[in-house]
Amino acid sequence: MKKIFYTLACGFMMACTAGVNAAESDMAAYLMVFHKDDTHGLHMAVSHDGYTFTALNGGRPVIAGDTIAEQRGIRDPHIFRGPDGAFYLAMTDLHIFAQKEGYRDTEWEWDGKKYGWGNNRGLVLMKSRDLMNWSHSIVHVNELDSALSDIGCAWAPETAYDNERGRLMLYFTMRYGTGMNRLYYAYVDDDFTRFETLPELLYEYPDKRTTAIDGDITRVGDKYHLMYVAHDGTPGIKQAVAKDITGPYEFLPDWIDPEPKACEAPNVWKRIGEDKWVLMYDCYGIDTHNFGFMETSDFVNFTPLGHFNEGVMKTTNFTSPKHGAVIHITAAEAAALENRWK
């Protein structure tokens, strides 16, 4: 593991405008993070109404993947505002076109026959108080324990806070060799630089011959809703529910998304001031990658909202986003980001 301090805006500092346990009533905008296959960097977009998103930096990355990832590219960014008011970014350390870009001599970092598509072992962890200045670490999951030395991947990390145990939790997709992908979790330190526990199984598909990836947990009332991707036929979104963030999660057989083609990367975010949640996901099975959206008030009935620029959800200056996540931000935080990246 290595740790550095990374500053997006050289010499630029701002005070954190949201303190501990920032209230929804303080929030006025939405921040989306995502990556794109043609850049393998971190992209950000801001929306003031939750329907129309504008990418910062003219649609270019706000952090280049080759500056923060050992494989010179990142994927699957997720952002989380912790109870301490800090922002936590977690990403997959993986460049799927690194051979073509001249970053390595082989298609994958390890033998694809032994470890599968896109094999990697690193997760990028970053923490900030202001969305501008970030601490930065890379955790090598395969080095945590000898039992993990032959894992085939560590993908799509997401951060949550375990209220019952008072700890930051990281959960992600992992497989051993070329076996089935499953969802695992571990607790991390408050500085967001290292694992404090070894990964434990969070969820696996009832049919153990079927892969489950890309978990996303939302707490509503006294229940935790785990959205994930089931590779049970055409890959798509399913839901599992638990009373504890670490499970056990009850399998629900119904498909959530309405897509005829493959989709992945579910992320749930709440509309500010409304009892409505948006399920966003990545439609990678269509010719031009796009995000799809559904809306729910009860996590039972989901209303399709279509894709970006094909319904009520819009983008103004970017296309083909990949694997995104959305959080609430304050008006001051939105203004600071927009001013920095004019």
Protein backbone atom coordinates (compact mmCIF):
# COMPACT_ATOMS: atom_id res chain seq x y z
CA MET A 1 0.00 0.00 0.00
CA LYS A 2 1.22 3.50 -0.74
CA LYS A 3 -0.17 6.82 0.40
CA ILE A 4 0.21 10.27 -1.10
CA PHE A 5 -1.68 13.55 -0.87
CA TYR A 6 -3.35 14.58 -4.07
CA THR A 7 -4.61 18.09 -4.84
CA LEU A 8 -6.92 18.67 -7.79
CA ALA A 9 -6.49 22.42 -7.76
CA CYS A 10 -2.88 23.32 -7.06
CA GLY A 11 -2.79 25.72 -4.14
CA PHE A 12 -6.61 25.91 -3.96
CA MET A 13 -8.18 25.30 -0.56
CA MET A 14 -11.72 25.67 0.75
CA ALA A 15 -13.48 24.99 4.02
CA CYS A 16 -15.78 22.01 4.32
CA THR A 17 -19.30 23.44 4.31
CA ALA A 18 -21.02 20.33 5.59
CA GLY A 19 -20.26 19.20 9.11
CA VAL A 20 -20.83 15.95 10.90
CA ASN A 21 -24.12 14.25 10.01
CA ALA A 22 -25.00 16.87 7.38
CA ALA A 23 -28.78 17.13 7.14
CA GLU A 24 -30.70 16.59 3.93
CA SER A 25 -32.22 20.04 4.47
CA ASP A 26 -28.73 21.53 3.97
CA MET A 27 -28.38 19.89 0.57
CA ALA A 28 -29.15 21.76 -2.64
CA ALA A 29 -27.48 19.87 -5.51
CA TYR A 30 -26.21 16.50 -6.68
CA LEU A 31 -22.69 15.34 -7.53
CA MET A 32 -22.18 12.43 -9.89
CA VAL A 33 -18.90 10.58 -10.32
CA PHE A 34 -18.30 8.22 -13.23
CA HIS A 35 -15.60 6.98 -15.58
CA LYS A 36 -15.39 6.68 -19.35
CA ASP A 37 -13.74 3.93 -21.34
CA ASP A 38 -11.85 6.39 -23.52
CA THR A 39 -10.15 8.14 -20.58
CA HIS A 40 -10.03 5.70 -17.64
CA GLY A 41 -10.07 8.77 -15.39
CA LEU A 42 -12.42 10.19 -12.78
CA HIS A 43 -15.23 12.38 -14.13
CA MET A 44 -17.62 14.54 -12.11
CA ALA A 45 -20.94 16.16 -13.02
CA VAL A 46 -23.23 18.48 -11.07
CA SER A 47 -27.02 18.81 -11.13
CA HIS A 48 -29.09 21.42 -9.34
CA ASP A 49 -32.43 19.70 -9.88
CA GLY A 50 -31.58 16.00 -9.96
CA TYR A 51 -32.60 15.71 -13.60
CA THR A 52 -30.01 17.56 -15.71
CA PHE A 53 -26.30 16.92 -15.14
CA THR A 54 -23.39 18.99 -16.46
CA ALA A 55 -19.89 17.52 -16.40
CA LEU A 56 -17.13 19.55 -14.77
CA ASN A 57 -13.93 20.42 -16.64
CA GLY A 58 -15.74 20.49 -19.97
CA GLY A 59 -16.38 16.76 -19.83
CA ARG A 60 -12.71 15.89 -19.30
CA PRO A 61 -11.50 13.96 -16.24
CA VAL A 62 -11.01 15.94 -13.05
CA ILE A 63 -8.39 13.38 -11.98
CA ALA A 64 -6.40 11.44 -14.57
CA GLY A 65 -6.35 7.73 -13.95
CA ASP A 66 -2.66 7.45 -14.71
CA THR A 67 -1.88 9.74 -11.75
CA ILE A 68 -3.62 7.64 -9.08
CA ALA A 69 -3.73 4.01 -10.28
CA GLU A 70 -0.91 1.49 -10.60
CA GLN A 71 -2.53 0.10 -13.75
CA ARG A 72 -2.69 3.72 -15.01
CA GLY A 73 -6.47 3.75 -15.14
CA ILE A 74 -9.47 3.65 -12.82
CA ARG A 75 -12.97 2.27 -13.16
CA ASP A 76 -16.16 2.05 -11.10
CA PRO A 77 -15.85 5.21 -8.97
CA HIS A 78 -18.11 5.52 -5.93
CA ILE A 79 -18.43 8.54 -3.65
CA PHE A 80 -19.82 8.61 -0.12
CA ARG A 81 -20.27 11.37 2.45
CA GLY A 82 -19.39 9.97 5.84
CA PRO A 83 -20.91 10.86 9.21
CA ASP A 84 -17.74 12.89 9.86
CA GLY A 85 -18.60 15.19 6.93
CA ALA A 86 -15.70 13.88 4.82
CA PHE A 87 -16.00 12.51 1.30
CA TYR A 88 -14.79 9.02 0.47
CA LEU A 89 -13.90 7.96 -3.09
CA ALA A 90 -13.32 4.29 -3.85
CA MET A 91 -12.34 3.00 -7.30
CA THR A 92 -11.11 -0.09 -9.12
CA ASP A 93 -7.42 0.07 -10.06
CA LEU A 94 -7.75 -1.32 -13.58
CA HIS A 95 -7.08 -0.22 -17.15
CA ILE A 96 -8.76 -2.59 -19.60
CA PHE A 97 -6.92 -1.10 -22.61
CA ALA A 98 -3.50 -0.77 -20.97
CA GLN A 99 -1.76 -2.96 -23.56
CA LYS A 100 -3.14 -0.89 -26.44
CA GLU A 101 -2.17 2.32 -24.63
CA GLY A 102 1.38 1.07 -24.08
CA TYR A 103 1.15 0.75 -20.29
CA ARG A 104 1.92 -2.99 -20.25
CA ASP A 105 3.02 -5.74 -22.60
CA THR A 106 0.18 -8.17 -21.86
CA GLU A 107 -3.58 -7.87 -22.22
CA TRP A 108 -4.07 -8.23 -18.46
CA GLU A 109 -1.71 -7.81 -15.56
CA TRP A 110 -1.96 -11.52 -14.75
CA ASP A 111 -2.65 -14.58 -16.91
CA GLY A 112 -6.19 -14.27 -18.27
CA LYS A 113 -6.60 -18.04 -18.52
CA LYS A 114 -5.85 -18.43 -14.82
CA TYR A 115 -7.47 -15.27 -13.43
CA GLY A 116 -10.13 -14.24 -15.95
CA TRP A 117 -11.17 -11.05 -17.72
CA GLY A 118 -9.83 -7.77 -16.40
CA ASN A 119 -7.97 -9.35 -13.52
CA ASN A 120 -6.68 -6.90 -10.92
CA ARG A 121 -5.97 -6.84 -7.19
CA GLY A 122 -5.86 -3.14 -6.30
CA LEU A 123 -8.44 -0.68 -4.97
CA VAL A 124 -7.89 3.09 -4.97
CA LEU A 125 -9.06 4.84 -1.78
CA MET A 126 -9.25 8.64 -1.49
CA LYS A 127 -10.59 10.96 1.21
CA SER A 128 -11.34 14.67 1.17
CA ARG A 129 -12.91 17.37 3.31
CA ASP A 130 -13.63 19.72 0.41
CA LEU A 131 -13.90 17.68 -2.83
CA MET A 132 -10.68 19.36 -3.99
CA ASN A 133 -7.81 18.04 -1.90
CA TRP A 134 -7.58 14.28 -1.53
CA SER A 135 -5.47 11.84 0.43
CA HIS A 136 -4.74 8.78 -1.68
CA SER A 137 -3.90 5.14 -1.01
CA ILE A 138 -3.86 1.89 -2.97
CA VAL A 139 -4.82 -1.30 -1.16
CA HIS A 140 -3.65 -4.60 -2.66
CA VAL A 141 -6.31 -7.07 -1.59
CA ASN A 142 -4.16 -10.06 -2.57
CA GLU A 143 -1.51 -9.00 -0.05
CA LEU A 144 -3.84 -8.91 2.96
CA ASP A 145 -3.57 -12.63 3.62
CA SER A 146 -2.06 -15.70 1.96
CA ALA A 147 -5.59 -17.05 1.35
CA LEU A 148 -6.20 -14.05 -0.93
CA SER A 149 -2.99 -14.32 -2.95
CA ASP A 150 -4.71 -15.93 -5.94
CA ILE A 151 -7.84 -13.81 -6.20
CA GLY A 152 -8.92 -13.10 -9.74
CA CYS A 153 -10.32 -9.60 -9.24
CA ALA A 154 -11.26 -6.87 -6.78
CA TRP A 155 -13.84 -4.64 -8.48
CA ALA A 156 -16.35 -1.87 -7.88
CA PRO A 157 -15.69 -0.90 -4.25
CA GLU A 158 -18.32 1.11 -2.39
CA THR A 159 -18.15 2.76 1.02
CA ALA A 160 -20.82 2.68 3.71
CA TYR A 161 -21.01 3.38 7.42
CA ASP A 162 -22.00 0.55 9.72
CA ASN A 163 -24.10 2.40 12.28
CA GLU A 164 -24.46 -0.61 14.56
CA ARG A 165 -20.69 -1.09 14.84
CA GLY A 166 -19.61 2.51 14.34
CA ARG A 167 -17.14 1.69 11.55
CA LEU A 168 -16.46 2.53 7.92
CA MET A 169 -17.19 -0.44 5.70
CA LEU A 170 -15.94 -1.14 2.19
CA TYR A 171 -17.75 -3.73 0.08
CA PHE A 172 -16.76 -4.91 -3.38
CA THR A 173 -16.84 -7.70 -5.95
CA MET A 174 -14.20 -10.41 -5.64
CA ARG A 175 -13.53 -13.85 -7.01
CA TYR A 176 -10.96 -16.55 -6.45
CA GLY A 177 -9.13 -17.46 -9.65
CA THR A 178 -11.77 -17.77 -12.38
CA GLY A 179 -14.53 -18.81 -9.99
CA MET A 180 -17.84 -17.08 -9.39
CA ASN A 181 -17.87 -13.39 -8.52
CA ARG A 182 -19.38 -12.69 -5.12
CA LEU A 183 -19.80 -9.64 -2.89
CA TYR A 184 -17.47 -9.21 0.08
CA TYR A 185 -17.01 -6.58 2.79
CA ALA A 186 -14.29 -5.42 5.16
CA TYR A 187 -13.88 -2.62 7.67
CA VAL A 188 -11.40 0.15 6.92
CA ASP A 189 -9.62 2.70 9.08
CA ASP A 190 -10.97 6.22 9.59
CA ASP A 191 -8.17 7.68 7.45
CA PHE A 192 -9.36 5.46 4.57
CA THR A 193 -5.92 4.05 3.89
CA ARG A 194 -6.05 0.38 4.89
CA PHE A 195 -8.24 -2.61 5.70
CA GLU A 196 -8.68 -3.34 9.41
CA THR A 197 -10.34 -6.73 8.80
CA LEU A 198 -10.07 -9.41 6.15
CA PRO A 199 -12.83 -9.59 3.53
CA GLU A 200 -15.90 -11.59 4.52
CA LEU A 201 -18.73 -12.80 2.33
CA LEU A 202 -21.54 -10.25 2.10
CA TYR A 203 -23.78 -11.89 -0.48
CA GLU A 204 -23.75 -14.68 -3.02
CA TYR A 205 -26.40 -15.74 -5.49
CA PRO A 206 -28.58 -18.66 -4.29
CA ASP A 207 -27.45 -20.66 -7.32
CA LYS A 208 -23.75 -20.76 -6.56
CA ARG A 209 -22.99 -21.29 -10.25
CA THR A 210 -24.24 -17.75 -10.94
CA THR A 211 -22.15 -14.63 -10.52
CA ALA A 212 -23.25 -11.61 -8.45
CA ILE A 213 -21.40 -8.30 -8.82
CA ASP A 214 -21.65 -4.53 -8.28
CA GLY A 215 -23.38 -4.28 -4.91
CA ASP A 216 -24.98 -1.00 -3.78
CA ILE A 217 -26.54 -0.69 -0.31
CA THR A 218 -29.21 1.83 0.71
CA ARG A 219 -30.67 2.08 4.19
CA VAL A 220 -34.36 2.99 4.31
CA GLY A 221 -35.98 2.88 7.74
CA ASP A 222 -34.82 -0.27 9.50
CA LYS A 223 -33.92 -2.20 6.33
CA TYR A 224 -30.92 -2.34 4.04
CA HIS A 225 -31.63 -2.71 0.33
CA LEU A 226 -28.82 -4.33 -1.64
CA MET A 227 -29.03 -3.74 -5.38
CA TYR A 228 -26.67 -5.92 -7.38
CA VAL A 229 -26.11 -7.45 -10.81
CA ALA A 230 -27.13 -11.06 -11.35
CA HIS A 231 -25.59 -12.91 -14.29
CA ASP A 232 -28.58 -15.20 -14.46
CA GLY A 233 -29.23 -15.06 -18.18
CA THR A 234 -28.99 -11.51 -19.51
CA PRO A 235 -27.16 -9.57 -16.76
CA GLY A 236 -29.45 -7.17 -14.91
CA ILE A 237 -30.42 -5.68 -11.57
CA LYS A 238 -31.90 -7.60 -8.66
CA GLN A 239 -32.48 -6.72 -5.02
CA ALA A 240 -31.84 -8.38 -1.67
CA VAL A 241 -32.97 -7.07 1.74
CA ALA A 242 -31.56 -7.38 5.27
CA LYS A 243 -32.02 -5.95 8.76
CA ASP A 244 -28.24 -5.68 9.25
CA ILE A 245 -25.86 -4.06 6.80
CA THR A 246 -23.68 -7.18 6.76
CA GLY A 247 -26.64 -9.51 6.22
CA PRO A 248 -27.93 -12.11 5.94
CA TYR A 249 -29.67 -10.73 2.84
CA GLU A 250 -32.96 -12.19 1.68
CA PHE A 251 -32.97 -13.08 -2.01
CA LEU A 252 -35.78 -11.53 -4.04
CA PRO A 253 -36.20 -13.24 -7.43
CA ASP A 254 -37.77 -10.35 -9.39
CA TRP A 255 -35.73 -8.40 -11.92
CA ILE A 256 -35.77 -4.66 -11.18
CA ASP A 257 -34.56 -3.10 -14.43
CA PRO A 258 -36.69 -3.15 -17.62
CA GLU A 259 -33.75 -3.40 -20.02
CA PRO A 260 -33.75 -5.98 -22.82
CA LYS A 261 -29.93 -5.77 -23.04
CA ALA A 262 -27.30 -6.24 -20.35
CA CYS A 263 -26.86 -3.66 -17.60
CA GLU A 264 -24.77 -3.34 -14.44
CA ALA A 265 -23.51 -0.89 -11.78
CA PRO A 266 -26.70 -0.03 -9.85
CA ASN A 267 -26.58 3.06 -7.65
CA VAL A 268 -29.47 4.37 -5.58
CA TRP A 269 -29.78 8.03 -4.58
CA LYS A 270 -32.57 10.01 -2.97
CA ARG A 271 -34.28 13.07 -4.40
CA ILE A 272 -33.68 15.94 -1.99
CA GLY A 273 -36.78 16.77 0.05
CA GLU A 274 -38.84 13.96 -1.46
CA ASP A 275 -39.62 10.39 -0.48
CA LYS A 276 -38.38 9.21 -3.85
CA TRP A 277 -35.27 7.26 -4.67
CA VAL A 278 -33.63 6.95 -8.08
CA LEU A 279 -32.06 3.70 -9.21
CA MET A 280 -29.35 4.53 -11.76
CA TYR A 281 -27.53 1.83 -13.71
CA ASP A 282 -25.11 1.36 -16.60
CA CYS A 283 -26.59 0.03 -19.86
CA TYR A 284 -23.44 -1.53 -21.29
CA GLY A 285 -25.21 -3.97 -23.57
CA ILE A 286 -26.41 -1.32 -26.02
CA ASP A 287 -24.32 0.08 -28.86
CA THR A 288 -23.68 3.43 -27.15
CA HIS A 289 -23.16 3.12 -23.41
CA ASN A 290 -25.70 5.08 -21.41
CA PHE A 291 -27.26 5.26 -17.97
CA GLY A 292 -30.78 4.05 -17.30
CA PHE A 293 -33.02 5.29 -14.48
CA MET A 294 -35.95 4.11 -12.40
CA GLU A 295 -37.76 5.80 -9.53
CA THR A 296 -39.36 4.29 -6.43
CA SER A 297 -41.01 5.35 -3.18
CA ASP A 298 -41.26 1.91 -1.60
CA PHE A 299 -38.52 -0.28 -3.18
CA VAL A 300 -41.29 -2.55 -4.43
CA ASN A 301 -42.71 -0.59 -7.35
CA PHE A 302 -40.20 0.98 -9.76
CA THR A 303 -41.16 3.45 -12.50
CA PRO A 304 -38.86 3.57 -15.55
CA LEU A 305 -37.50 7.04 -16.39
CA GLY A 306 -35.67 5.99 -19.54
CA HIS A 307 -32.04 6.71 -20.42
CA PHE A 308 -30.04 9.92 -20.38
CA ASN A 309 -31.38 12.27 -23.09
CA GLU A 310 -34.21 9.89 -23.95
CA GLY A 311 -36.58 10.96 -21.17
CA VAL A 312 -36.65 13.30 -18.17
CA MET A 313 -32.99 12.66 -17.27
CA LYS A 314 -30.55 14.82 -19.25
CA THR A 315 -26.87 15.54 -19.80
CA THR A 316 -25.64 18.83 -21.25
CA ASN A 317 -22.05 18.15 -22.26
CA PHE A 318 -21.16 14.46 -22.03
CA THR A 319 -22.19 11.08 -23.40
CA SER A 320 -21.36 7.42 -22.75
CA PRO A 321 -20.77 7.55 -18.99
CA LYS A 322 -19.78 4.36 -17.21
CA HIS A 323 -20.49 3.02 -13.69
CA GLY A 324 -21.61 6.13 -11.80
CA ALA A 325 -22.63 7.16 -8.30
CA VAL A 326 -24.49 10.22 -6.97
CA ILE A 327 -24.48 12.05 -3.62
CA HIS A 328 -26.09 15.23 -2.27
CA ILE A 329 -23.95 18.35 -1.92
CA THR A 330 -24.61 21.85 -0.58
CA ALA A 331 -25.06 24.94 -2.74
CA ALA A 332 -21.64 26.18 -1.59
CA GLU A 333 -19.96 22.90 -2.51
CA ALA A 334 -21.60 22.93 -5.93
CA ALA A 335 -20.56 26.54 -6.55
CA ALA A 336 -16.97 25.84 -5.50
CA LEU A 337 -16.71 22.87 -7.87
CA GLU A 338 -18.27 24.77 -10.76
CA ASN A 339 -16.04 27.80 -10.19
CA ARG A 340 -12.92 25.64 -10.04
CA TRP A 341 -13.74 23.74 -13.23
CA LYS A 342 -15.16 26.50 -15.44
